[in-house]
Amino acid sequence: MDTHLLLQGFRYLDTFFPSGGFAFSSGLETAVQEGHVRTTDDLNRYVADFFRRGLGTCEAVALAQAYQASRKRDVDGVIQTDDALEAMKLCRETRAASRQMGRSLLHHAIPPQDGTGILEEFSTAVYSGRSPGHLAVTFGVVFQTIGWDQQQTIAGFLYQAGVGFVSASYKLLPVGQREGQRLLESWVPLIEELSRTVDTSMPLMSWTPIQEIYAMRHSQLTSRLFRS
């Protein structure tokens, strides 16, 4: 891969990138406050389950479908995937978070000299209200445009999600940076497997009821550090 394209992708994955992901915990704050996630082992199970039955079978598939539609410059195909992902997100807060982060990525990824490429077409669809602009779908379009391959893009998306969980855990649990790095390292084989085995012909599937319930309960917590 061209070094410039590699570094451009790294910029979008960096925690300093203004996607707003730092404000969300994906239900983890509720799980911690209710005493269901107390240790690094608990956190490991929480995240690994979310990867296997949620992000890896729903968002990662949507990303791959958007990536392939983007390659064909099929903006209608991208919108169709975006609508399908919207329907899969049962929790209002989760839907809102995904939309916000997707739109932030889209906003900062659009070059100042707007052209007529698929990225600009999708941006027009999102800001005109034709498409929700979910993060996974936007990720697929953006990273296809800058030249990352599909497997690398899925891996980057899942790794960024893992970093988000570890970052949230620093505020919610007695987890140090060394433990956080060990957790990220332990998720690498799973991320690699999921990024390699995603099939665009697969339907979007998600079975993470615990995480969904925690996310739904989050707005009812007495005190909160995160938005969802």
C-alpha atoms as a PDB file:
ATOM      1  CA  MET A   1       0.000   0.000   0.000  1.00  0.00           C
ATOM      2  CA  ASP A   2       1.150   3.529  -0.757  1.00  0.00           C
ATOM      3  CA  THR A   3       2.598   5.095   2.404  1.00  0.00           C
ATOM      4  CA  HIS A   4       0.546   8.262   1.988  1.00  0.00           C
ATOM      5  CA  LEU A   5      -2.694   6.251   1.822  1.00  0.00           C
ATOM      6  CA  LEU A   6      -1.615   4.184   4.806  1.00  0.00           C
ATOM      7  CA  LEU A   7      -0.958   7.288   6.895  1.00  0.00           C
ATOM      8  CA  GLN A   8      -4.227   8.880   5.787  1.00  0.00           C
ATOM      9  CA  GLY A   9      -6.100   5.832   7.079  1.00  0.00           C
ATOM     10  CA  PHE A  10      -4.155   5.925  10.341  1.00  0.00           C
ATOM     11  CA  ARG A  11      -5.303   9.524  10.832  1.00  0.00           C
ATOM     12  CA  TYR A  12      -8.962   8.452  10.686  1.00  0.00           C
ATOM     13  CA  LEU A  13      -8.291   5.620  13.141  1.00  0.00           C
ATOM     14  CA  ASP A  14      -6.371   7.759  15.608  1.00  0.00           C
ATOM     15  CA  THR A  15      -7.999   8.577  18.946  1.00  0.00           C
ATOM     16  CA  PHE A  16      -7.250  12.264  18.251  1.00  0.00           C
ATOM     17  CA  PHE A  17      -9.507  12.193  15.187  1.00  0.00           C
ATOM     18  CA  PRO A  18     -12.710  14.162  16.041  1.00  0.00           C
ATOM     19  CA  SER A  19     -15.211  11.359  15.480  1.00  0.00           C
ATOM     20  CA  GLY A  20     -16.744  11.771  18.937  1.00  0.00           C
ATOM     21  CA  GLY A  21     -16.171   8.120  19.836  1.00  0.00           C
ATOM     22  CA  PHE A  22     -14.641   9.084  23.192  1.00  0.00           C
ATOM     23  CA  ALA A  23     -18.110  10.151  24.378  1.00  0.00           C
ATOM     24  CA  PHE A  24     -19.692   6.691  24.047  1.00  0.00           C
ATOM     25  CA  SER A  25     -19.227   3.461  26.018  1.00  0.00           C
ATOM     26  CA  SER A  26     -21.557   1.082  24.083  1.00  0.00           C
ATOM     27  CA  GLY A  27     -23.373   0.128  27.269  1.00  0.00           C
ATOM     28  CA  LEU A  28     -20.174  -0.559  29.222  1.00  0.00           C
ATOM     29  CA  GLU A  29     -20.829   2.197  31.763  1.00  0.00           C
ATOM     30  CA  THR A  30     -24.175   0.608  32.686  1.00  0.00           C
ATOM     31  CA  ALA A  31     -22.594  -2.840  32.926  1.00  0.00           C
ATOM     32  CA  VAL A  32     -19.946  -1.465  35.300  1.00  0.00           C
ATOM     33  CA  GLN A  33     -22.393   0.498  37.472  1.00  0.00           C
ATOM     34  CA  GLU A  34     -24.695  -2.516  37.790  1.00  0.00           C
ATOM     35  CA  GLY A  35     -21.756  -4.685  38.840  1.00  0.00           C
ATOM     36  CA  HIS A  36     -21.709  -7.057  35.857  1.00  0.00           C
ATOM     37  CA  VAL A  37     -18.304  -5.919  34.558  1.00  0.00           C
ATOM     38  CA  ARG A  38     -15.787  -5.543  37.380  1.00  0.00           C
ATOM     39  CA  THR A  39     -12.495  -6.999  36.171  1.00  0.00           C
ATOM     40  CA  THR A  40     -10.394  -7.198  33.020  1.00  0.00           C
ATOM     41  CA  ASP A  41     -11.669 -10.762  32.518  1.00  0.00           C
ATOM     42  CA  ASP A  42     -15.252  -9.489  32.615  1.00  0.00           C
ATOM     43  CA  LEU A  43     -14.359  -6.753  30.141  1.00  0.00           C
ATOM     44  CA  ASN A  44     -12.628  -9.245  27.870  1.00  0.00           C
ATOM     45  CA  ARG A  45     -15.733 -11.446  27.742  1.00  0.00           C
ATOM     46  CA  TYR A  46     -18.005  -8.429  27.203  1.00  0.00           C
ATOM     47  CA  VAL A  47     -16.009  -7.127  24.238  1.00  0.00           C
ATOM     48  CA  ALA A  48     -15.199 -10.501  22.659  1.00  0.00           C
ATOM     49  CA  ASP A  49     -18.886 -11.437  22.736  1.00  0.00           C
ATOM     50  CA  PHE A  50     -19.776  -8.066  21.197  1.00  0.00           C
ATOM     51  CA  PHE A  51     -17.246  -8.666  18.414  1.00  0.00           C
ATOM     52  CA  ARG A  52     -18.394 -12.224  17.661  1.00  0.00           C
ATOM     53  CA  ARG A  53     -22.154 -11.676  17.760  1.00  0.00           C
ATOM     54  CA  GLY A  54     -22.541  -7.984  17.022  1.00  0.00           C
ATOM     55  CA  LEU A  55     -19.836  -5.940  15.350  1.00  0.00           C
ATOM     56  CA  GLY A  56     -18.395  -8.910  13.472  1.00  0.00           C
ATOM     57  CA  THR A  57     -21.706 -10.175  12.060  1.00  0.00           C
ATOM     58  CA  CYS A  58     -23.567  -6.894  11.595  1.00  0.00           C
ATOM     59  CA  GLU A  59     -21.423  -3.749  11.324  1.00  0.00           C
ATOM     60  CA  ALA A  60     -18.481  -5.534   9.679  1.00  0.00           C
ATOM     61  CA  VAL A  61     -20.796  -7.084   7.082  1.00  0.00           C
ATOM     62  CA  ALA A  62     -22.421  -3.694   6.427  1.00  0.00           C
ATOM     63  CA  LEU A  63     -18.961  -2.192   6.045  1.00  0.00           C
ATOM     64  CA  ALA A  64     -17.984  -4.857   3.508  1.00  0.00           C
ATOM     65  CA  GLN A  65     -21.208  -4.374   1.537  1.00  0.00           C
ATOM     66  CA  ALA A  66     -20.698  -0.604   1.466  1.00  0.00           C
ATOM     67  CA  TYR A  67     -17.064  -1.105   0.471  1.00  0.00           C
ATOM     68  CA  GLN A  68     -18.020  -3.270  -2.519  1.00  0.00           C
ATOM     69  CA  ALA A  69     -20.827  -0.931  -3.581  1.00  0.00           C
ATOM     70  CA  SER A  70     -18.384   1.958  -3.328  1.00  0.00           C
ATOM     71  CA  ARG A  71     -15.961   0.152  -5.639  1.00  0.00           C
ATOM     72  CA  LYS A  72     -18.730  -0.023  -8.249  1.00  0.00           C
ATOM     73  CA  ARG A  73     -19.699   3.595  -7.548  1.00  0.00           C
ATOM     74  CA  ASP A  74     -23.142   2.326  -6.652  1.00  0.00           C
ATOM     75  CA  VAL A  75     -24.419   4.967  -4.259  1.00  0.00           C
ATOM     76  CA  ASP A  76     -27.868   3.352  -4.170  1.00  0.00           C
ATOM     77  CA  GLY A  77     -26.239   0.125  -2.957  1.00  0.00           C
ATOM     78  CA  VAL A  78     -24.433   2.037  -0.210  1.00  0.00           C
ATOM     79  CA  ILE A  79     -27.696   3.703   0.855  1.00  0.00           C
ATOM     80  CA  GLN A  80     -29.490   0.345   0.890  1.00  0.00           C
ATOM     81  CA  THR A  81     -26.850  -1.058   3.255  1.00  0.00           C
ATOM     82  CA  ASP A  82     -27.037   2.071   5.410  1.00  0.00           C
ATOM     83  CA  ASP A  83     -30.819   1.689   5.707  1.00  0.00           C
ATOM     84  CA  ALA A  84     -30.458  -1.994   6.613  1.00  0.00           C
ATOM     85  CA  LEU A  85     -28.000  -1.138   9.393  1.00  0.00           C
ATOM     86  CA  GLU A  86     -30.371   1.554  10.662  1.00  0.00           C
ATOM     87  CA  ALA A  87     -33.100  -1.086  10.979  1.00  0.00           C
ATOM     88  CA  MET A  88     -30.783  -3.428  12.890  1.00  0.00           C
ATOM     89  CA  LYS A  89     -29.993  -0.914  15.629  1.00  0.00           C
ATOM     90  CA  LEU A  90     -32.728  -1.345  18.228  1.00  0.00           C
ATOM     91  CA  CYS A  91     -31.354   1.083  20.802  1.00  0.00           C
ATOM     92  CA  ARG A  92     -32.007   4.771  20.115  1.00  0.00           C
ATOM     93  CA  GLU A  93     -28.749   5.877  21.758  1.00  0.00           C
ATOM     94  CA  THR A  94     -26.720   3.343  19.764  1.00  0.00           C
ATOM     95  CA  ARG A  95     -28.331   4.511  16.528  1.00  0.00           C
ATOM     96  CA  ALA A  96     -27.606   8.133  17.362  1.00  0.00           C
ATOM     97  CA  ALA A  97     -23.981   7.416  18.295  1.00  0.00           C
ATOM     98  CA  SER A  98     -23.334   5.493  15.077  1.00  0.00           C
ATOM     99  CA  ARG A  99     -24.881   8.261  12.999  1.00  0.00           C
ATOM    100  CA  GLN A 100     -22.936  10.994  14.755  1.00  0.00           C
ATOM    101  CA  MET A 101     -19.576   9.260  14.382  1.00  0.00           C
ATOM    102  CA  GLY A 102     -20.288   8.323  10.769  1.00  0.00           C
ATOM    103  CA  ARG A 103     -21.209  11.877   9.840  1.00  0.00           C
ATOM    104  CA  SER A 104     -18.152  13.240  11.619  1.00  0.00           C
ATOM    105  CA  LEU A 105     -15.892  10.875   9.672  1.00  0.00           C
ATOM    106  CA  LEU A 106     -17.661  11.779   6.449  1.00  0.00           C
ATOM    107  CA  HIS A 107     -17.365  15.507   7.126  1.00  0.00           C
ATOM    108  CA  HIS A 108     -13.634  15.399   7.796  1.00  0.00           C
ATOM    109  CA  ALA A 109     -12.910  12.922   4.991  1.00  0.00           C
ATOM    110  CA  ILE A 110     -14.465  15.057   2.240  1.00  0.00           C
ATOM    111  CA  PRO A 111     -11.650  17.025   0.575  1.00  0.00           C
ATOM    112  CA  PRO A 112     -12.086  20.808   0.285  1.00  0.00           C
ATOM    113  CA  GLN A 113     -12.160  20.592  -3.516  1.00  0.00           C
ATOM    114  CA  ASP A 114     -15.380  18.557  -3.772  1.00  0.00           C
ATOM    115  CA  GLY A 115     -15.514  16.401  -6.867  1.00  0.00           C
ATOM    116  CA  THR A 116     -17.982  13.897  -8.227  1.00  0.00           C
ATOM    117  CA  GLY A 117     -16.686  10.668  -6.663  1.00  0.00           C
ATOM    118  CA  ILE A 118     -18.651   8.127  -4.618  1.00  0.00           C
ATOM    119  CA  LEU A 119     -17.588   9.782  -1.363  1.00  0.00           C
ATOM    120  CA  GLU A 120     -19.156  13.075  -2.434  1.00  0.00           C
ATOM    121  CA  GLU A 121     -22.276  11.300  -3.735  1.00  0.00           C
ATOM    122  CA  PHE A 122     -22.745   9.481  -0.449  1.00  0.00           C
ATOM    123  CA  SER A 123     -22.111  12.688   1.512  1.00  0.00           C
ATOM    124  CA  THR A 124     -24.846  14.422  -0.472  1.00  0.00           C
ATOM    125  CA  ALA A 125     -27.223  11.538   0.260  1.00  0.00           C
ATOM    126  CA  VAL A 126     -26.474  11.693   3.999  1.00  0.00           C
ATOM    127  CA  TYR A 127     -26.786  15.457   4.407  1.00  0.00           C
ATOM    128  CA  SER A 128     -29.950  15.576   2.290  1.00  0.00           C
ATOM    129  CA  GLY A 129     -31.562  12.984   4.570  1.00  0.00           C
ATOM    130  CA  ARG A 130     -31.621  10.136   2.031  1.00  0.00           C
ATOM    131  CA  SER A 131     -29.219   8.008   4.098  1.00  0.00           C
ATOM    132  CA  PRO A 132     -28.510   7.795   7.856  1.00  0.00           C
ATOM    133  CA  GLY A 133     -24.706   7.847   7.516  1.00  0.00           C
ATOM    134  CA  HIS A 134     -23.804   5.108  10.001  1.00  0.00           C
ATOM    135  CA  LEU A 135     -20.167   4.749  11.003  1.00  0.00           C
ATOM    136  CA  ALA A 136     -19.568   1.264   9.541  1.00  0.00           C
ATOM    137  CA  VAL A 137     -21.030   2.224   6.165  1.00  0.00           C
ATOM    138  CA  THR A 138     -19.121   5.505   6.039  1.00  0.00           C
ATOM    139  CA  PHE A 139     -15.971   3.624   7.028  1.00  0.00           C
ATOM    140  CA  GLY A 140     -16.396   1.297   4.044  1.00  0.00           C
ATOM    141  CA  VAL A 141     -16.840   4.159   1.580  1.00  0.00           C
ATOM    142  CA  VAL A 142     -14.030   6.317   2.988  1.00  0.00           C
ATOM    143  CA  PHE A 143     -11.410   3.587   3.239  1.00  0.00           C
ATOM    144  CA  GLN A 144     -12.270   2.164  -0.178  1.00  0.00           C
ATOM    145  CA  THR A 145     -11.797   5.656  -1.572  1.00  0.00           C
ATOM    146  CA  ILE A 146      -8.361   6.121  -0.006  1.00  0.00           C
ATOM    147  CA  GLY A 147      -7.178   2.709  -1.197  1.00  0.00           C
ATOM    148  CA  TRP A 148      -7.225   0.314   1.753  1.00  0.00           C
ATOM    149  CA  ASP A 149      -8.393  -3.197   0.896  1.00  0.00           C
ATOM    150  CA  GLN A 150     -11.547  -4.656   2.430  1.00  0.00           C
ATOM    151  CA  GLN A 151      -9.858  -6.871   5.011  1.00  0.00           C
ATOM    152  CA  GLN A 152      -7.614  -4.050   6.217  1.00  0.00           C
ATOM    153  CA  THR A 153     -10.626  -1.735   6.475  1.00  0.00           C
ATOM    154  CA  ILE A 154     -12.665  -4.189   8.562  1.00  0.00           C
ATOM    155  CA  ALA A 155      -9.666  -4.860  10.797  1.00  0.00           C
ATOM    156  CA  GLY A 156      -9.159  -1.118  11.281  1.00  0.00           C
ATOM    157  CA  PHE A 157     -12.823  -0.625  12.144  1.00  0.00           C
ATOM    158  CA  LEU A 158     -12.854  -3.421  14.727  1.00  0.00           C
ATOM    159  CA  TYR A 159      -9.512  -2.394  16.203  1.00  0.00           C
ATOM    160  CA  GLN A 160     -10.799   1.170  16.619  1.00  0.00           C
ATOM    161  CA  ALA A 161     -13.832  -0.232  18.460  1.00  0.00           C
ATOM    162  CA  GLY A 162     -11.523  -2.234  20.733  1.00  0.00           C
ATOM    163  CA  VAL A 163      -9.475   0.867  21.500  1.00  0.00           C
ATOM    164  CA  GLY A 164     -12.709   2.663  22.380  1.00  0.00           C
ATOM    165  CA  PHE A 165     -13.634  -0.016  24.920  1.00  0.00           C
ATOM    166  CA  VAL A 166     -10.169   0.052  26.489  1.00  0.00           C
ATOM    167  CA  SER A 167     -10.218   3.853  26.640  1.00  0.00           C
ATOM    168  CA  ALA A 168     -13.624   3.784  28.357  1.00  0.00           C
ATOM    169  CA  SER A 169     -12.415   1.142  30.803  1.00  0.00           C
ATOM    170  CA  TYR A 170      -9.629   3.468  32.010  1.00  0.00           C
ATOM    171  CA  LYS A 171     -12.353   5.783  33.347  1.00  0.00           C
ATOM    172  CA  LEU A 172     -14.729   3.106  34.609  1.00  0.00           C
ATOM    173  CA  LEU A 173     -12.561   0.291  35.978  1.00  0.00           C
ATOM    174  CA  PRO A 174      -9.290  -0.213  37.843  1.00  0.00           C
ATOM    175  CA  VAL A 175      -7.527  -0.961  34.546  1.00  0.00           C
ATOM    176  CA  GLY A 176      -4.046   0.352  33.813  1.00  0.00           C
ATOM    177  CA  GLN A 177      -2.426   1.014  30.461  1.00  0.00           C
ATOM    178  CA  ARG A 178      -0.420  -2.199  30.572  1.00  0.00           C
ATOM    179  CA  GLU A 179      -3.590  -4.253  31.124  1.00  0.00           C
ATOM    180  CA  GLY A 180      -5.319  -2.297  28.396  1.00  0.00           C
ATOM    181  CA  GLN A 181      -2.574  -3.154  25.917  1.00  0.00           C
ATOM    182  CA  ARG A 182      -2.788  -6.818  26.889  1.00  0.00           C
ATOM    183  CA  LEU A 183      -6.518  -6.764  26.205  1.00  0.00           C
ATOM    184  CA  LEU A 184      -5.984  -5.217  22.765  1.00  0.00           C
ATOM    185  CA  GLU A 185      -3.328  -7.812  22.000  1.00  0.00           C
ATOM    186  CA  SER A 186      -5.675 -10.630  23.040  1.00  0.00           C
ATOM    187  CA  TRP A 187      -8.363  -9.357  20.626  1.00  0.00           C
ATOM    188  CA  VAL A 188      -6.045  -9.197  17.604  1.00  0.00           C
ATOM    189  CA  PRO A 189      -6.547 -12.862  16.536  1.00  0.00           C
ATOM    190  CA  LEU A 190     -10.331 -12.431  16.742  1.00  0.00           C
ATOM    191  CA  ILE A 191     -10.200  -9.182  14.761  1.00  0.00           C
ATOM    192  CA  GLU A 192      -8.001 -10.846  12.142  1.00  0.00           C
ATOM    193  CA  GLU A 193     -10.372 -13.815  11.873  1.00  0.00           C
ATOM    194  CA  LEU A 194     -13.478 -11.659  11.523  1.00  0.00           C
ATOM    195  CA  SER A 195     -11.892  -9.345   8.968  1.00  0.00           C
ATOM    196  CA  ARG A 196     -10.843 -12.354   6.881  1.00  0.00           C
ATOM    197  CA  THR A 197     -14.117 -14.289   6.989  1.00  0.00           C
ATOM    198  CA  VAL A 198     -16.739 -11.566   6.433  1.00  0.00           C
ATOM    199  CA  ASP A 199     -18.811 -12.341   3.339  1.00  0.00           C
ATOM    200  CA  THR A 200     -20.786  -9.595   1.608  1.00  0.00           C
ATOM    201  CA  SER A 201     -23.527 -12.099   0.741  1.00  0.00           C
ATOM    202  CA  MET A 202     -24.214 -12.642   4.442  1.00  0.00           C
ATOM    203  CA  PRO A 203     -27.323 -10.986   5.907  1.00  0.00           C
ATOM    204  CA  LEU A 204     -26.754  -8.525   8.726  1.00  0.00           C
ATOM    205  CA  MET A 205     -27.122 -10.439  11.987  1.00  0.00           C
ATOM    206  CA  SER A 206     -26.764  -9.365  15.598  1.00  0.00           C
ATOM    207  CA  TRP A 207     -27.396 -11.165  18.869  1.00  0.00           C
ATOM    208  CA  THR A 208     -26.081  -8.966  21.665  1.00  0.00           C
ATOM    209  CA  PRO A 209     -29.156  -8.533  23.900  1.00  0.00           C
ATOM    210  CA  ILE A 210     -27.111  -7.875  27.041  1.00  0.00           C
ATOM    211  CA  GLN A 211     -25.153  -5.032  25.467  1.00  0.00           C
ATOM    212  CA  GLU A 212     -28.334  -3.624  23.909  1.00  0.00           C
ATOM    213  CA  ILE A 213     -30.137  -3.639  27.272  1.00  0.00           C
ATOM    214  CA  TYR A 214     -27.201  -1.954  28.980  1.00  0.00           C
ATOM    215  CA  ALA A 215     -27.153   0.722  26.274  1.00  0.00           C
ATOM    216  CA  MET A 216     -30.918   1.267  26.669  1.00  0.00           C
ATOM    217  CA  ARG A 217     -30.609   1.605  30.452  1.00  0.00           C
ATOM    218  CA  HIS A 218     -27.746   4.053  30.227  1.00  0.00           C
ATOM    219  CA  SER A 219     -29.916   7.171  30.003  1.00  0.00           C
ATOM    220  CA  GLN A 220     -31.548   6.201  33.324  1.00  0.00           C
ATOM    221  CA  LEU A 221     -28.318   6.113  35.326  1.00  0.00           C
ATOM    222  CA  THR A 222     -28.107   8.640  38.149  1.00  0.00           C
ATOM    223  CA  SER A 223     -24.631   9.742  37.129  1.00  0.00           C
ATOM    224  CA  ARG A 224     -22.892   9.297  33.781  1.00  0.00           C
ATOM    225  CA  LEU A 225     -19.466   9.892  32.299  1.00  0.00           C
ATOM    226  CA  PHE A 226     -20.531   8.911  28.764  1.00  0.00           C
ATOM    227  CA  ARG A 227     -23.399   9.828  26.456  1.00  0.00           C
ATOM    228  CA  SER A 228     -24.401   6.211  25.712  1.00  0.00           C
END
